[in-house]
């Protein structure tokens, strides 16, 4: 609250090596619908969209690439599962830029594998009176930063803010603890579906931009008809 209205949010979930189930359903578009954008990007959008407020997403653009998806060295070793040996046809990296109807923006970067040394997640919120940045690692990957770090920058000064120590996975326990109350609250009815619809809409619009439909050649003589 002390950084003022939100103008922009940067979110990134970048794995060093973390392609799941190479050749399995995770990397088959006909079964999964997409790659890193659907998998990791969904969680990033769940984080960023509430920060942007209720305004609709006016514009969504992005790009995808697949430099690592079929590289055995980039597979997620911690999952303990083997792929089918087939080739994946989804993206391992996605970048997107969103702009709301009231002018707030967000940049998103999600990738299953990269040239980085560690798996990291970054959330930076930029307001009219300062910015805050959380550096951590979402999920259960052992190739992570040891401890999360939260900093605030304002008037040229960056300070580290205290965070409670907690075990990996505690955030999922908190979600489960909150679920019964949400299910019992009549005001929560339909909220999850509406949030999912907003997230899916953003993902589909980024895919439409990143995978444009090839132009259909005009038939010979069509102009003369």
C-alpha atoms as a PDB file:
ATOM      1  CA  UNK A   1       0.000   0.000   0.000  1.00  0.00           C
ATOM      2  CA  UNK A   2       2.897   2.410   0.591  1.00  0.00           C
ATOM      3  CA  UNK A   3       4.059   2.429  -3.053  1.00  0.00           C
ATOM      4  CA  UNK A   4       0.860   3.990  -4.384  1.00  0.00           C
ATOM      5  CA  UNK A   5      -1.302   2.912  -7.332  1.00  0.00           C
ATOM      6  CA  UNK A   6       0.276   0.159  -9.442  1.00  0.00           C
ATOM      7  CA  UNK A   7       1.585   1.247 -12.848  1.00  0.00           C
ATOM      8  CA  UNK A   8       3.513  -1.847 -13.953  1.00  0.00           C
ATOM      9  CA  UNK A   9       4.305  -5.391 -12.805  1.00  0.00           C
ATOM     10  CA  UNK A  10       7.219  -7.577 -13.958  1.00  0.00           C
ATOM     11  CA  UNK A  11       6.811 -11.307 -13.307  1.00  0.00           C
ATOM     12  CA  UNK A  12       9.180 -14.115 -14.284  1.00  0.00           C
ATOM     13  CA  UNK A  13       9.494 -17.814 -13.542  1.00  0.00           C
ATOM     14  CA  UNK A  14      12.708 -18.974 -15.163  1.00  0.00           C
ATOM     15  CA  UNK A  15      13.996 -22.522 -14.716  1.00  0.00           C
ATOM     16  CA  UNK A  16      17.574 -23.479 -15.469  1.00  0.00           C
ATOM     17  CA  UNK A  17      16.561 -27.032 -16.432  1.00  0.00           C
ATOM     18  CA  UNK A  18      12.957 -28.046 -15.915  1.00  0.00           C
ATOM     19  CA  UNK A  19      11.182 -29.398 -19.015  1.00  0.00           C
ATOM     20  CA  UNK A  20       8.572 -31.782 -17.557  1.00  0.00           C
ATOM     21  CA  UNK A  21       7.970 -35.287 -18.936  1.00  0.00           C
ATOM     22  CA  UNK A  22       9.806 -34.806 -22.219  1.00  0.00           C
ATOM     23  CA  UNK A  23       7.758 -36.493 -24.933  1.00  0.00           C
ATOM     24  CA  UNK A  24       4.846 -37.021 -22.519  1.00  0.00           C
ATOM     25  CA  UNK A  25       1.527 -35.195 -22.308  1.00  0.00           C
ATOM     26  CA  UNK A  26       3.123 -32.049 -20.865  1.00  0.00           C
ATOM     27  CA  UNK A  27       4.985 -31.432 -24.116  1.00  0.00           C
ATOM     28  CA  UNK A  28       2.229 -32.485 -26.550  1.00  0.00           C
ATOM     29  CA  UNK A  29       0.060 -29.584 -27.631  1.00  0.00           C
ATOM     30  CA  UNK A  30      -2.877 -31.844 -28.537  1.00  0.00           C
ATOM     31  CA  UNK A  31      -3.020 -33.045 -24.910  1.00  0.00           C
ATOM     32  CA  UNK A  32      -1.818 -30.049 -22.884  1.00  0.00           C
ATOM     33  CA  UNK A  33      -2.919 -27.101 -25.032  1.00  0.00           C
ATOM     34  CA  UNK A  34       0.480 -25.453 -24.698  1.00  0.00           C
ATOM     35  CA  UNK A  35       3.805 -25.462 -22.911  1.00  0.00           C
ATOM     36  CA  UNK A  36       5.468 -23.142 -20.423  1.00  0.00           C
ATOM     37  CA  UNK A  37       2.863 -20.406 -20.890  1.00  0.00           C
ATOM     38  CA  UNK A  38       0.021 -22.726 -19.853  1.00  0.00           C
ATOM     39  CA  UNK A  39       2.066 -24.424 -17.108  1.00  0.00           C
ATOM     40  CA  UNK A  40       4.165 -21.708 -15.429  1.00  0.00           C
ATOM     41  CA  UNK A  41       2.520 -18.700 -17.060  1.00  0.00           C
ATOM     42  CA  UNK A  42      -0.847 -19.576 -15.538  1.00  0.00           C
ATOM     43  CA  UNK A  43       0.601 -19.211 -12.019  1.00  0.00           C
ATOM     44  CA  UNK A  44       2.278 -15.940 -12.961  1.00  0.00           C
ATOM     45  CA  UNK A  45      -1.010 -14.587 -14.308  1.00  0.00           C
ATOM     46  CA  UNK A  46      -2.757 -15.684 -11.111  1.00  0.00           C
ATOM     47  CA  UNK A  47      -0.213 -13.493  -9.328  1.00  0.00           C
ATOM     48  CA  UNK A  48      -0.169 -10.476 -11.624  1.00  0.00           C
ATOM     49  CA  UNK A  49      -3.809  -9.999 -12.649  1.00  0.00           C
ATOM     50  CA  UNK A  50      -5.096  -9.134  -9.134  1.00  0.00           C
ATOM     51  CA  UNK A  51      -2.236  -6.631  -8.807  1.00  0.00           C
ATOM     52  CA  UNK A  52      -3.378  -4.904 -12.010  1.00  0.00           C
ATOM     53  CA  UNK A  53      -6.893  -4.470 -10.659  1.00  0.00           C
ATOM     54  CA  UNK A  54     -10.311  -5.298 -12.136  1.00  0.00           C
ATOM     55  CA  UNK A  55      -9.856  -3.465 -15.448  1.00  0.00           C
ATOM     56  CA  UNK A  56     -10.066  -5.618 -18.570  1.00  0.00           C
ATOM     57  CA  UNK A  57      -6.964  -6.560 -20.560  1.00  0.00           C
ATOM     58  CA  UNK A  58      -7.073  -4.251 -23.559  1.00  0.00           C
ATOM     59  CA  UNK A  59      -3.985  -5.618 -25.316  1.00  0.00           C
ATOM     60  CA  UNK A  60      -1.986  -8.851 -25.000  1.00  0.00           C
ATOM     61  CA  UNK A  61       1.024  -9.640 -27.185  1.00  0.00           C
ATOM     62  CA  UNK A  62       3.868 -12.103 -26.862  1.00  0.00           C
ATOM     63  CA  UNK A  63       6.333 -14.544 -28.339  1.00  0.00           C
ATOM     64  CA  UNK A  64       7.214 -18.202 -27.770  1.00  0.00           C
ATOM     65  CA  UNK A  65      10.221 -20.386 -28.563  1.00  0.00           C
ATOM     66  CA  UNK A  66      11.228 -24.050 -28.243  1.00  0.00           C
ATOM     67  CA  UNK A  67      15.024 -24.173 -28.057  1.00  0.00           C
ATOM     68  CA  UNK A  68      15.142 -26.582 -25.071  1.00  0.00           C
ATOM     69  CA  UNK A  69      11.977 -28.677 -25.159  1.00  0.00           C
ATOM     70  CA  UNK A  70      13.615 -31.630 -26.932  1.00  0.00           C
ATOM     71  CA  UNK A  71      17.005 -31.361 -25.213  1.00  0.00           C
ATOM     72  CA  UNK A  72      17.476 -34.253 -22.755  1.00  0.00           C
ATOM     73  CA  UNK A  73      19.863 -32.135 -20.667  1.00  0.00           C
ATOM     74  CA  UNK A  74      17.046 -29.640 -19.996  1.00  0.00           C
ATOM     75  CA  UNK A  75      14.612 -32.139 -18.478  1.00  0.00           C
ATOM     76  CA  UNK A  76      13.242 -31.718 -14.948  1.00  0.00           C
ATOM     77  CA  UNK A  77      15.281 -34.286 -13.029  1.00  0.00           C
ATOM     78  CA  UNK A  78      13.361 -33.774  -9.764  1.00  0.00           C
ATOM     79  CA  UNK A  79      10.085 -35.146 -11.174  1.00  0.00           C
ATOM     80  CA  UNK A  80      11.470 -38.690 -11.258  1.00  0.00           C
ATOM     81  CA  UNK A  81       9.502 -39.564 -14.392  1.00  0.00           C
ATOM     82  CA  UNK A  82      10.625 -40.565 -17.852  1.00  0.00           C
ATOM     83  CA  UNK A  83       9.108 -39.332 -21.052  1.00  0.00           C
ATOM     84  CA  UNK A  84       7.820 -41.445 -23.884  1.00  0.00           C
ATOM     85  CA  UNK A  85      10.779 -40.695 -26.090  1.00  0.00           C
ATOM     86  CA  UNK A  86       8.664 -38.692 -28.536  1.00  0.00           C
ATOM     87  CA  UNK A  87       9.316 -35.117 -29.543  1.00  0.00           C
ATOM     88  CA  UNK A  88       7.553 -32.212 -27.920  1.00  0.00           C
ATOM     89  CA  UNK A  89       5.749 -29.613 -30.015  1.00  0.00           C
ATOM     90  CA  UNK A  90       5.082 -26.925 -27.400  1.00  0.00           C
ATOM     91  CA  UNK A  91       7.051 -23.876 -26.310  1.00  0.00           C
ATOM     92  CA  UNK A  92       9.574 -24.017 -23.486  1.00  0.00           C
ATOM     93  CA  UNK A  93       9.760 -20.206 -23.259  1.00  0.00           C
ATOM     94  CA  UNK A  94       7.084 -17.519 -23.437  1.00  0.00           C
ATOM     95  CA  UNK A  95       7.243 -13.748 -23.120  1.00  0.00           C
ATOM     96  CA  UNK A  96       4.172 -11.541 -22.965  1.00  0.00           C
ATOM     97  CA  UNK A  97       3.150  -7.942 -22.436  1.00  0.00           C
ATOM     98  CA  UNK A  98      -0.301  -6.979 -21.149  1.00  0.00           C
ATOM     99  CA  UNK A  99      -1.966  -3.569 -21.040  1.00  0.00           C
ATOM    100  CA  UNK A 100      -5.200  -2.932 -19.133  1.00  0.00           C
ATOM    101  CA  UNK A 101      -7.996  -0.614 -20.180  1.00  0.00           C
ATOM    102  CA  UNK A 102      -6.935   1.911 -17.525  1.00  0.00           C
ATOM    103  CA  UNK A 103      -3.266   1.962 -18.555  1.00  0.00           C
ATOM    104  CA  UNK A 104      -1.559  -0.435 -16.122  1.00  0.00           C
ATOM    105  CA  UNK A 105       0.877  -2.902 -17.723  1.00  0.00           C
ATOM    106  CA  UNK A 106       2.606  -6.198 -17.027  1.00  0.00           C
ATOM    107  CA  UNK A 107       5.549  -8.062 -18.537  1.00  0.00           C
ATOM    108  CA  UNK A 108       5.631 -11.852 -18.153  1.00  0.00           C
ATOM    109  CA  UNK A 109       8.489 -14.311 -18.747  1.00  0.00           C
ATOM    110  CA  UNK A 110       7.950 -18.048 -18.245  1.00  0.00           C
ATOM    111  CA  UNK A 111      10.372 -20.764 -19.269  1.00  0.00           C
ATOM    112  CA  UNK A 112      10.974 -24.411 -18.492  1.00  0.00           C
ATOM    113  CA  UNK A 113      14.689 -24.169 -19.317  1.00  0.00           C
ATOM    114  CA  UNK A 114      17.243 -21.449 -19.907  1.00  0.00           C
ATOM    115  CA  UNK A 115      20.931 -20.586 -19.629  1.00  0.00           C
ATOM    116  CA  UNK A 116      20.520 -19.552 -15.979  1.00  0.00           C
ATOM    117  CA  UNK A 117      22.274 -21.359 -13.122  1.00  0.00           C
ATOM    118  CA  UNK A 118      19.253 -21.594 -10.799  1.00  0.00           C
ATOM    119  CA  UNK A 119      15.487 -21.701 -10.944  1.00  0.00           C
ATOM    120  CA  UNK A 120      14.136 -18.324  -9.918  1.00  0.00           C
ATOM    121  CA  UNK A 121      10.865 -16.453  -9.641  1.00  0.00           C
ATOM    122  CA  UNK A 122      10.721 -12.665  -9.584  1.00  0.00           C
ATOM    123  CA  UNK A 123       7.758 -10.373  -8.936  1.00  0.00           C
ATOM    124  CA  UNK A 124       8.386  -6.612  -9.198  1.00  0.00           C
ATOM    125  CA  UNK A 125       5.553  -4.183  -8.566  1.00  0.00           C
ATOM    126  CA  UNK A 126       6.092  -0.573  -9.656  1.00  0.00           C
ATOM    127  CA  UNK A 127       3.850   2.098  -8.167  1.00  0.00           C
ATOM    128  CA  UNK A 128       3.631   5.862  -8.223  1.00  0.00           C
ATOM    129  CA  UNK A 129       5.577   6.155  -4.950  1.00  0.00           C
ATOM    130  CA  UNK A 130       8.097   3.328  -5.208  1.00  0.00           C
ATOM    131  CA  UNK A 131       8.581  -0.324  -6.129  1.00  0.00           C
ATOM    132  CA  UNK A 132       8.837  -3.671  -4.351  1.00  0.00           C
ATOM    133  CA  UNK A 133      10.537  -6.819  -5.623  1.00  0.00           C
ATOM    134  CA  UNK A 134      10.229 -10.401  -4.427  1.00  0.00           C
ATOM    135  CA  UNK A 135      12.962 -12.841  -5.467  1.00  0.00           C
ATOM    136  CA  UNK A 136      12.262 -16.479  -4.679  1.00  0.00           C
ATOM    137  CA  UNK A 137      11.582 -19.839  -6.334  1.00  0.00           C
ATOM    138  CA  UNK A 138       8.039 -21.081  -6.873  1.00  0.00           C
ATOM    139  CA  UNK A 139       7.410 -24.806  -6.564  1.00  0.00           C
ATOM    140  CA  UNK A 140       9.517 -27.672  -5.258  1.00  0.00           C
ATOM    141  CA  UNK A 141      12.629 -27.525  -7.437  1.00  0.00           C
ATOM    142  CA  UNK A 142      15.805 -28.262  -5.440  1.00  0.00           C
ATOM    143  CA  UNK A 143      17.778 -26.003  -7.821  1.00  0.00           C
ATOM    144  CA  UNK A 144      16.559 -22.858  -6.081  1.00  0.00           C
ATOM    145  CA  UNK A 145      17.685 -19.742  -4.250  1.00  0.00           C
ATOM    146  CA  UNK A 146      18.209 -20.650  -0.615  1.00  0.00           C
ATOM    147  CA  UNK A 147      15.943 -17.963   0.844  1.00  0.00           C
ATOM    148  CA  UNK A 148      13.418 -15.511  -0.592  1.00  0.00           C
ATOM    149  CA  UNK A 149      14.202 -11.804  -0.560  1.00  0.00           C
ATOM    150  CA  UNK A 150      11.799  -8.862  -0.512  1.00  0.00           C
ATOM    151  CA  UNK A 151      13.061  -5.334  -1.146  1.00  0.00           C
ATOM    152  CA  UNK A 152      11.476  -1.913  -1.468  1.00  0.00           C
ATOM    153  CA  UNK A 153      12.968   0.944  -3.479  1.00  0.00           C
ATOM    154  CA  UNK A 154      11.846   4.504  -2.896  1.00  0.00           C
ATOM    155  CA  UNK A 155      13.537   7.899  -3.372  1.00  0.00           C
ATOM    156  CA  UNK A 156      16.794   6.277  -4.468  1.00  0.00           C
ATOM    157  CA  UNK A 157      17.055   3.951  -1.471  1.00  0.00           C
ATOM    158  CA  UNK A 158      16.567   0.162  -1.492  1.00  0.00           C
ATOM    159  CA  UNK A 159      15.830  -1.612   1.786  1.00  0.00           C
ATOM    160  CA  UNK A 160      15.316  -5.277   2.542  1.00  0.00           C
ATOM    161  CA  UNK A 161      12.009  -6.098   4.211  1.00  0.00           C
ATOM    162  CA  UNK A 162      11.598  -8.949   6.713  1.00  0.00           C
ATOM    163  CA  UNK A 163      10.035 -12.234   5.594  1.00  0.00           C
ATOM    164  CA  UNK A 164       9.043 -15.127   7.861  1.00  0.00           C
ATOM    165  CA  UNK A 165      11.055 -18.327   7.555  1.00  0.00           C
ATOM    166  CA  UNK A 166       8.926 -21.222   6.377  1.00  0.00           C
ATOM    167  CA  UNK A 167       9.454 -24.647   4.794  1.00  0.00           C
ATOM    168  CA  UNK A 168       9.149 -25.265   1.057  1.00  0.00           C
ATOM    169  CA  UNK A 169       5.539 -25.946   0.146  1.00  0.00           C
ATOM    170  CA  UNK A 170       3.986 -24.046   3.067  1.00  0.00           C
ATOM    171  CA  UNK A 171       2.104 -21.861   0.590  1.00  0.00           C
ATOM    172  CA  UNK A 172       0.193 -24.882  -0.701  1.00  0.00           C
ATOM    173  CA  UNK A 173      -0.794 -25.874   2.848  1.00  0.00           C
ATOM    174  CA  UNK A 174      -2.175 -22.366   3.380  1.00  0.00           C
ATOM    175  CA  UNK A 175      -4.247 -22.637   0.210  1.00  0.00           C
ATOM    176  CA  UNK A 176      -5.741 -25.936   1.366  1.00  0.00           C
ATOM    177  CA  UNK A 177      -6.450 -24.473   4.809  1.00  0.00           C
ATOM    178  CA  UNK A 178      -8.357 -21.582   3.219  1.00  0.00           C
ATOM    179  CA  UNK A 179     -10.361 -23.754   0.802  1.00  0.00           C
ATOM    180  CA  UNK A 180     -13.179 -24.940   3.148  1.00  0.00           C
ATOM    181  CA  UNK A 181     -14.029 -21.371   4.116  1.00  0.00           C
ATOM    182  CA  UNK A 182     -14.076 -20.243   0.494  1.00  0.00           C
ATOM    183  CA  UNK A 183     -16.341 -23.130  -0.500  1.00  0.00           C
ATOM    184  CA  UNK A 184     -18.758 -22.308   2.330  1.00  0.00           C
ATOM    185  CA  UNK A 185     -18.910 -18.575   1.541  1.00  0.00           C
ATOM    186  CA  UNK A 186     -21.795 -17.735  -0.878  1.00  0.00           C
ATOM    187  CA  UNK A 187     -19.872 -14.631  -2.004  1.00  0.00           C
ATOM    188  CA  UNK A 188     -17.140 -16.891  -3.427  1.00  0.00           C
ATOM    189  CA  UNK A 189     -19.493 -18.645  -5.814  1.00  0.00           C
ATOM    190  CA  UNK A 190     -18.283 -18.204  -9.399  1.00  0.00           C
ATOM    191  CA  UNK A 191     -15.190 -16.210  -8.444  1.00  0.00           C
ATOM    192  CA  UNK A 192     -12.712 -18.968  -9.316  1.00  0.00           C
ATOM    193  CA  UNK A 193     -14.383 -19.583 -12.686  1.00  0.00           C
ATOM    194  CA  UNK A 194     -14.313 -15.870 -13.499  1.00  0.00           C
ATOM    195  CA  UNK A 195     -10.632 -15.626 -12.564  1.00  0.00           C
ATOM    196  CA  UNK A 196      -9.807 -18.694 -14.670  1.00  0.00           C
ATOM    197  CA  UNK A 197     -11.712 -17.242 -17.622  1.00  0.00           C
ATOM    198  CA  UNK A 198      -9.649 -14.043 -17.420  1.00  0.00           C
ATOM    199  CA  UNK A 199      -6.418 -16.018 -17.247  1.00  0.00           C
ATOM    200  CA  UNK A 200      -7.358 -18.282 -20.158  1.00  0.00           C
ATOM    201  CA  UNK A 201      -8.351 -15.277 -22.252  1.00  0.00           C
ATOM    202  CA  UNK A 202      -4.920 -13.681 -21.705  1.00  0.00           C
ATOM    203  CA  UNK A 203      -3.119 -16.943 -22.544  1.00  0.00           C
ATOM    204  CA  UNK A 204      -5.119 -17.497 -25.728  1.00  0.00           C
ATOM    205  CA  UNK A 205      -4.539 -13.938 -26.902  1.00  0.00           C
ATOM    206  CA  UNK A 206      -0.780 -14.271 -26.378  1.00  0.00           C
ATOM    207  CA  UNK A 207      -0.807 -17.557 -28.320  1.00  0.00           C
ATOM    208  CA  UNK A 208      -2.743 -15.958 -31.179  1.00  0.00           C
ATOM    209  CA  UNK A 209      -0.082 -13.264 -31.396  1.00  0.00           C
ATOM    210  CA  UNK A 210       2.858 -15.657 -31.007  1.00  0.00           C
ATOM    211  CA  UNK A 211       1.528 -18.264 -33.453  1.00  0.00           C
ATOM    212  CA  UNK A 212      -0.094 -16.235 -36.212  1.00  0.00           C
ATOM    213  CA  UNK A 213      -2.166 -18.087 -38.765  1.00  0.00           C
ATOM    214  CA  UNK A 214      -0.256 -18.317 -42.073  1.00  0.00           C
ATOM    215  CA  UNK A 215      -1.787 -16.073 -44.723  1.00  0.00           C
ATOM    216  CA  UNK A 216      -4.001 -17.810 -47.268  1.00  0.00           C
ATOM    217  CA  UNK A 217      -2.961 -16.956 -50.836  1.00  0.00           C
ATOM    218  CA  UNK A 218      -5.665 -15.246 -52.858  1.00  0.00           C
ATOM    219  CA  UNK A 219      -7.070 -17.324 -55.686  1.00  0.00           C
ATOM    220  CA  UNK A 220      -5.875 -16.339 -59.149  1.00  0.00           C
ATOM    221  CA  UNK A 221      -8.272 -13.937 -60.762  1.00  0.00           C
ATOM    222  CA  UNK A 222     -10.177 -13.259 -57.522  1.00  0.00           C
ATOM    223  CA  UNK A 223      -9.878  -9.489 -57.997  1.00  0.00           C
ATOM    224  CA  UNK A 224     -11.667  -9.704 -61.336  1.00  0.00           C
ATOM    225  CA  UNK A 225     -14.766 -11.337 -59.920  1.00  0.00           C
END
